[in-house]
């Protein structure tokens, strides 16, 4: 993606003729994901008039959307549920990360302090 402002409000949609397929993915959904993950304020929709003329019921459309959502976000939702049930483990991982980050950052912080002339007893 080129020439995209820092943050945009995006309203867009697709009107697929049935199940989502590679054409939907490369044509629209991939960009939807990129914009959403890029921090833009997004509102996406699926136009339903084509579903109606294509013989799909609203229930089928909602189920298809839910299935695709779970394909994309199901593993992350399962991982979150697992981590929420183990707060002690999360705290330990965070403590370990802080220790590692401090070890990596300490030499640079020492060098910056010396360069700037900041000294601590």
C-alpha atoms as a PDB file:
ATOM      1  CA  UNK A   1       0.000   0.000   0.000  1.00  0.00           C
ATOM      2  CA  UNK A   2       1.410   3.372  -0.976  1.00  0.00           C
ATOM      3  CA  UNK A   3       0.466   6.974  -0.255  1.00  0.00           C
ATOM      4  CA  UNK A   4      -1.879   6.110   2.600  1.00  0.00           C
ATOM      5  CA  UNK A   5      -2.331   8.780   5.287  1.00  0.00           C
ATOM      6  CA  UNK A   6      -1.418   7.872   8.863  1.00  0.00           C
ATOM      7  CA  UNK A   7      -5.022   7.294   9.902  1.00  0.00           C
ATOM      8  CA  UNK A   8      -8.113   7.120   7.742  1.00  0.00           C
ATOM      9  CA  UNK A   9     -11.776   6.382   8.258  1.00  0.00           C
ATOM     10  CA  UNK A  10     -12.598   3.599   5.806  1.00  0.00           C
ATOM     11  CA  UNK A  11     -16.088   2.480   4.831  1.00  0.00           C
ATOM     12  CA  UNK A  12     -16.124  -0.335   2.319  1.00  0.00           C
ATOM     13  CA  UNK A  13     -17.809  -3.595   1.525  1.00  0.00           C
ATOM     14  CA  UNK A  14     -18.020  -6.587  -0.728  1.00  0.00           C
ATOM     15  CA  UNK A  15     -20.860  -8.260  -2.508  1.00  0.00           C
ATOM     16  CA  UNK A  16     -19.748 -11.859  -2.959  1.00  0.00           C
ATOM     17  CA  UNK A  17     -21.803 -14.285  -5.004  1.00  0.00           C
ATOM     18  CA  UNK A  18     -21.561 -17.104  -2.446  1.00  0.00           C
ATOM     19  CA  UNK A  19     -18.804 -18.492  -0.265  1.00  0.00           C
ATOM     20  CA  UNK A  20     -15.726 -16.350   0.201  1.00  0.00           C
ATOM     21  CA  UNK A  21     -12.987 -17.435  -2.204  1.00  0.00           C
ATOM     22  CA  UNK A  22      -9.541 -16.277  -3.337  1.00  0.00           C
ATOM     23  CA  UNK A  23     -11.075 -13.571  -5.518  1.00  0.00           C
ATOM     24  CA  UNK A  24     -12.752 -12.068  -2.446  1.00  0.00           C
ATOM     25  CA  UNK A  25      -9.562 -12.451  -0.457  1.00  0.00           C
ATOM     26  CA  UNK A  26      -7.216 -10.788  -2.931  1.00  0.00           C
ATOM     27  CA  UNK A  27      -9.803  -8.317  -4.153  1.00  0.00           C
ATOM     28  CA  UNK A  28     -10.982  -6.904  -0.855  1.00  0.00           C
ATOM     29  CA  UNK A  29     -10.601  -8.903   2.347  1.00  0.00           C
ATOM     30  CA  UNK A  30      -6.793  -8.800   2.350  1.00  0.00           C
ATOM     31  CA  UNK A  31      -6.891  -4.994   2.149  1.00  0.00           C
ATOM     32  CA  UNK A  32      -9.570  -4.862   4.848  1.00  0.00           C
ATOM     33  CA  UNK A  33      -7.256  -6.789   7.175  1.00  0.00           C
ATOM     34  CA  UNK A  34      -4.270  -4.571   6.331  1.00  0.00           C
ATOM     35  CA  UNK A  35      -6.232  -1.372   6.964  1.00  0.00           C
ATOM     36  CA  UNK A  36      -7.664  -2.694  10.239  1.00  0.00           C
ATOM     37  CA  UNK A  37      -4.285  -3.907  11.505  1.00  0.00           C
ATOM     38  CA  UNK A  38      -2.775  -0.588  10.374  1.00  0.00           C
ATOM     39  CA  UNK A  39      -4.813   1.288  12.968  1.00  0.00           C
ATOM     40  CA  UNK A  40      -7.342   2.862  10.633  1.00  0.00           C
ATOM     41  CA  UNK A  41     -10.935   3.315  11.766  1.00  0.00           C
ATOM     42  CA  UNK A  42     -12.795   0.813   9.596  1.00  0.00           C
ATOM     43  CA  UNK A  43     -16.409  -0.098   8.918  1.00  0.00           C
ATOM     44  CA  UNK A  44     -16.878  -2.996   6.503  1.00  0.00           C
ATOM     45  CA  UNK A  45     -20.069  -4.566   5.262  1.00  0.00           C
ATOM     46  CA  UNK A  46     -21.321  -7.404   3.134  1.00  0.00           C
ATOM     47  CA  UNK A  47     -23.969  -6.305   0.690  1.00  0.00           C
ATOM     48  CA  UNK A  48     -26.868  -8.731   0.999  1.00  0.00           C
ATOM     49  CA  UNK A  49     -28.870  -8.098  -2.174  1.00  0.00           C
ATOM     50  CA  UNK A  50     -26.623 -10.434  -4.115  1.00  0.00           C
ATOM     51  CA  UNK A  51     -26.959 -13.094  -1.457  1.00  0.00           C
ATOM     52  CA  UNK A  52     -30.721 -12.870  -1.736  1.00  0.00           C
ATOM     53  CA  UNK A  53     -30.682 -13.172  -5.487  1.00  0.00           C
ATOM     54  CA  UNK A  54     -28.086 -15.962  -5.183  1.00  0.00           C
ATOM     55  CA  UNK A  55     -30.483 -18.043  -3.093  1.00  0.00           C
ATOM     56  CA  UNK A  56     -28.718 -17.738   0.269  1.00  0.00           C
ATOM     57  CA  UNK A  57     -30.766 -17.017   3.373  1.00  0.00           C
ATOM     58  CA  UNK A  58     -29.743 -14.492   5.994  1.00  0.00           C
ATOM     59  CA  UNK A  59     -29.006 -17.388   8.356  1.00  0.00           C
ATOM     60  CA  UNK A  60     -26.624 -18.916   5.790  1.00  0.00           C
ATOM     61  CA  UNK A  61     -24.925 -15.581   5.246  1.00  0.00           C
ATOM     62  CA  UNK A  62     -24.508 -14.992   8.985  1.00  0.00           C
ATOM     63  CA  UNK A  63     -23.153 -18.522   9.413  1.00  0.00           C
ATOM     64  CA  UNK A  64     -20.669 -17.994   6.540  1.00  0.00           C
ATOM     65  CA  UNK A  65     -19.468 -14.732   8.094  1.00  0.00           C
ATOM     66  CA  UNK A  66     -19.135 -16.384  11.505  1.00  0.00           C
ATOM     67  CA  UNK A  67     -17.222 -19.338  10.002  1.00  0.00           C
ATOM     68  CA  UNK A  68     -14.757 -17.011   8.270  1.00  0.00           C
ATOM     69  CA  UNK A  69     -14.387 -14.949  11.436  1.00  0.00           C
ATOM     70  CA  UNK A  70     -13.573 -18.065  13.460  1.00  0.00           C
ATOM     71  CA  UNK A  71     -11.099 -19.220  10.804  1.00  0.00           C
ATOM     72  CA  UNK A  72      -9.247 -15.945  11.140  1.00  0.00           C
ATOM     73  CA  UNK A  73      -9.608 -15.195  14.855  1.00  0.00           C
ATOM     74  CA  UNK A  74     -10.454 -18.575  16.427  1.00  0.00           C
ATOM     75  CA  UNK A  75      -6.856 -19.534  17.267  1.00  0.00           C
ATOM     76  CA  UNK A  76      -6.180 -16.128  18.855  1.00  0.00           C
ATOM     77  CA  UNK A  77      -9.414 -16.337  20.849  1.00  0.00           C
ATOM     78  CA  UNK A  78      -8.463 -19.817  22.100  1.00  0.00           C
ATOM     79  CA  UNK A  79      -4.973 -18.618  23.066  1.00  0.00           C
ATOM     80  CA  UNK A  80      -6.417 -15.613  24.914  1.00  0.00           C
ATOM     81  CA  UNK A  81      -8.827 -17.870  26.812  1.00  0.00           C
ATOM     82  CA  UNK A  82      -5.910 -20.109  27.800  1.00  0.00           C
ATOM     83  CA  UNK A  83      -3.809 -17.146  28.992  1.00  0.00           C
ATOM     84  CA  UNK A  84      -6.673 -15.591  30.948  1.00  0.00           C
ATOM     85  CA  UNK A  85      -6.993 -18.852  32.870  1.00  0.00           C
ATOM     86  CA  UNK A  86      -3.263 -18.747  33.772  1.00  0.00           C
ATOM     87  CA  UNK A  87      -2.522 -15.245  35.141  1.00  0.00           C
ATOM     88  CA  UNK A  88       0.492 -16.463  37.135  1.00  0.00           C
ATOM     89  CA  UNK A  89       2.065 -17.791  33.947  1.00  0.00           C
ATOM     90  CA  UNK A  90       1.421 -14.474  32.151  1.00  0.00           C
ATOM     91  CA  UNK A  91       3.006 -12.554  35.040  1.00  0.00           C
ATOM     92  CA  UNK A  92       6.056 -14.841  34.952  1.00  0.00           C
ATOM     93  CA  UNK A  93       6.469 -14.418  31.190  1.00  0.00           C
ATOM     94  CA  UNK A  94       6.232 -10.636  31.595  1.00  0.00           C
ATOM     95  CA  UNK A  95       8.775 -10.617  34.451  1.00  0.00           C
ATOM     96  CA  UNK A  96      11.155 -12.707  32.362  1.00  0.00           C
ATOM     97  CA  UNK A  97      10.700 -10.323  29.414  1.00  0.00           C
ATOM     98  CA  UNK A  98      11.465  -7.305  31.606  1.00  0.00           C
ATOM     99  CA  UNK A  99      14.660  -8.942  32.862  1.00  0.00           C
ATOM    100  CA  UNK A 100      15.798  -9.759  29.333  1.00  0.00           C
ATOM    101  CA  UNK A 101      14.967  -6.261  28.076  1.00  0.00           C
ATOM    102  CA  UNK A 102      16.890  -4.643  30.933  1.00  0.00           C
ATOM    103  CA  UNK A 103      19.972  -6.769  30.195  1.00  0.00           C
ATOM    104  CA  UNK A 104      19.858  -5.808  26.524  1.00  0.00           C
ATOM    105  CA  UNK A 105      19.158  -2.117  27.186  1.00  0.00           C
ATOM    106  CA  UNK A 106      21.595  -1.576  30.092  1.00  0.00           C
ATOM    107  CA  UNK A 107      24.750  -1.046  27.986  1.00  0.00           C
ATOM    108  CA  UNK A 108      22.984   1.419  25.681  1.00  0.00           C
ATOM    109  CA  UNK A 109      21.457   3.334  28.580  1.00  0.00           C
ATOM    110  CA  UNK A 110      24.896   3.503  30.254  1.00  0.00           C
ATOM    111  CA  UNK A 111      26.414   4.841  27.009  1.00  0.00           C
ATOM    112  CA  UNK A 112      23.660   7.452  26.583  1.00  0.00           C
ATOM    113  CA  UNK A 113      24.061   8.631  30.175  1.00  0.00           C
ATOM    114  CA  UNK A 114      27.832   9.003  29.712  1.00  0.00           C
ATOM    115  CA  UNK A 115      27.400  10.839  26.405  1.00  0.00           C
ATOM    116  CA  UNK A 116      24.801  13.247  27.821  1.00  0.00           C
ATOM    117  CA  UNK A 117      26.696  13.707  31.067  1.00  0.00           C
ATOM    118  CA  UNK A 118      24.134  12.181  33.399  1.00  0.00           C
ATOM    119  CA  UNK A 119      25.662  10.269  36.269  1.00  0.00           C
ATOM    120  CA  UNK A 120      24.055   8.429  39.124  1.00  0.00           C
ATOM    121  CA  UNK A 121      25.928   7.533  42.324  1.00  0.00           C
END
